[in-house]
């Protein structure tokens, strides 16, 4: 979780700092700030989905999970990528011959203490 929080904060700080770098070039600023914000959003979505998948595996009541996610649709957050990421973080062995990318990333984060 710390890894993703650091990444999200870095993207948000970058978005905030871009105006001082490109304030005179509105087109450049718009493009770069949206990249930074959507990158932060993607990391946040993966973090939420990974945590939700973990709670689901811990047999948290489905009603509670929906309430915590503030959504009737848990699949909105618990994506294939989030589940693969959780597998990597928890050391699960993938069922496929080739390890999915998000599993490898999760495994690296867990190894590095992230």
Protein backbone atom coordinates (compact mmCIF):
# COMPACT_ATOMS: atom_id res chain seq x y z
CA UNK A 1 0.00 0.00 0.00
CA UNK A 2 2.83 2.40 0.82
CA UNK A 3 4.28 1.93 -2.67
CA UNK A 4 1.06 3.01 -4.36
CA UNK A 5 0.48 5.89 -1.95
CA UNK A 6 3.95 7.22 -2.76
CA UNK A 7 3.28 6.89 -6.48
CA UNK A 8 -0.12 8.58 -6.22
CA UNK A 9 1.36 11.45 -4.21
CA UNK A 10 4.20 11.85 -6.70
CA UNK A 11 1.77 12.11 -9.62
CA UNK A 12 -0.39 14.62 -7.73
CA UNK A 13 2.66 16.70 -6.80
CA UNK A 14 3.77 16.63 -10.42
CA UNK A 15 0.34 17.82 -11.57
CA UNK A 16 0.50 20.66 -9.10
CA UNK A 17 4.06 21.62 -10.10
CA UNK A 18 3.36 21.63 -13.84
CA UNK A 19 1.74 25.04 -13.84
CA UNK A 20 4.98 26.64 -12.70
CA UNK A 21 6.81 24.83 -15.51
CA UNK A 22 4.29 25.29 -18.32
CA UNK A 23 1.96 28.07 -17.17
CA UNK A 24 2.74 30.09 -20.30
CA UNK A 25 1.93 27.15 -22.63
CA UNK A 26 -1.66 26.20 -21.84
CA UNK A 27 -1.77 23.34 -24.35
CA UNK A 28 1.35 21.72 -22.94
CA UNK A 29 0.12 22.21 -19.37
CA UNK A 30 -3.29 20.68 -20.14
CA UNK A 31 -1.73 17.62 -21.73
CA UNK A 32 0.83 17.00 -18.98
CA UNK A 33 -1.47 17.69 -16.04
CA UNK A 34 -4.07 15.27 -17.39
CA UNK A 35 -1.41 12.58 -17.86
CA UNK A 36 -0.27 13.07 -14.27
CA UNK A 37 -3.80 13.05 -12.86
CA UNK A 38 -4.92 9.99 -14.82
CA UNK A 39 -1.77 8.14 -13.75
CA UNK A 40 -2.62 8.99 -10.12
CA UNK A 41 -6.18 7.82 -10.69
CA UNK A 42 -5.02 4.51 -12.20
CA UNK A 43 -2.76 3.82 -9.21
CA UNK A 44 -5.55 4.75 -6.81
CA UNK A 45 -7.99 2.45 -8.61
CA UNK A 46 -5.50 -0.43 -8.49
CA UNK A 47 -4.85 0.19 -4.79
CA UNK A 48 -8.58 0.21 -3.95
CA UNK A 49 -9.22 -2.89 -6.05
CA UNK A 50 -6.30 -4.79 -4.54
CA UNK A 51 -7.40 -3.98 -1.00
CA UNK A 52 -11.01 -4.88 -1.83
CA UNK A 53 -9.89 -8.21 -3.35
CA UNK A 54 -7.89 -8.91 -0.19
CA UNK A 55 -10.91 -8.19 2.02
CA UNK A 56 -13.04 -10.38 -0.21
CA UNK A 57 -10.55 -13.24 0.24
CA UNK A 58 -10.73 -12.67 3.99
CA UNK A 59 -14.47 -13.39 3.75
CA UNK A 60 -15.64 -9.87 4.50
CA UNK A 61 -19.42 -9.87 4.13
CA UNK A 62 -20.37 -8.79 0.59
CA UNK A 63 -22.74 -6.12 1.94
CA UNK A 64 -19.93 -4.61 4.01
CA UNK A 65 -17.56 -4.64 1.05
CA UNK A 66 -20.14 -2.86 -1.12
CA UNK A 67 -20.71 -0.33 1.66
CA UNK A 68 -16.97 0.28 2.13
CA UNK A 69 -16.50 0.69 -1.63
CA UNK A 70 -19.59 2.90 -1.77
CA UNK A 71 -20.69 0.96 -4.82
CA UNK A 72 -23.22 -1.78 -5.52
CA UNK A 73 -20.78 -3.21 -8.08
CA UNK A 74 -17.59 -4.55 -6.48
CA UNK A 75 -16.32 -5.69 -9.89
CA UNK A 76 -15.90 -2.01 -10.71
CA UNK A 77 -12.87 -2.12 -8.42
CA UNK A 78 -11.94 -5.80 -8.12
CA UNK A 79 -10.56 -6.14 -11.63
CA UNK A 80 -8.43 -8.92 -13.07
CA UNK A 81 -5.40 -6.66 -12.67
CA UNK A 82 -6.18 -6.03 -8.99
CA UNK A 83 -6.53 -9.77 -8.32
CA UNK A 84 -3.27 -10.51 -10.17
CA UNK A 85 -1.57 -7.73 -8.21
CA UNK A 86 -2.85 -9.19 -4.93
CA UNK A 87 -1.56 -12.62 -5.99
CA UNK A 88 1.90 -11.13 -6.44
CA UNK A 89 1.78 -9.27 -3.14
CA UNK A 90 0.71 -12.38 -1.25
CA UNK A 91 3.03 -14.81 -3.02
CA UNK A 92 0.29 -16.82 -4.71
CA UNK A 93 1.38 -19.11 -7.51
CA UNK A 94 -0.29 -18.19 -10.82
CA UNK A 95 -2.34 -20.84 -12.60
CA UNK A 96 -0.99 -19.86 -16.02
CA UNK A 97 2.36 -20.87 -17.47
CA UNK A 98 3.43 -17.23 -17.83
CA UNK A 99 3.12 -15.04 -14.76
CA UNK A 100 0.74 -12.10 -15.39
CA UNK A 101 2.38 -8.66 -15.41
CA UNK A 102 0.50 -7.36 -12.35
CA UNK A 103 1.42 -10.49 -10.39
CA UNK A 104 5.09 -9.88 -11.16
CA UNK A 105 4.76 -6.22 -10.17
CA UNK A 106 3.06 -7.17 -6.90
CA UNK A 107 5.75 -9.75 -6.19
CA UNK A 108 8.46 -7.11 -6.77
CA UNK A 109 6.72 -4.61 -4.48
CA UNK A 110 6.38 -7.26 -1.74
CA UNK A 111 10.05 -8.24 -2.17
CA UNK A 112 11.21 -4.63 -1.93
CA UNK A 113 9.13 -4.01 1.18
CA UNK A 114 6.86 -1.51 -0.58
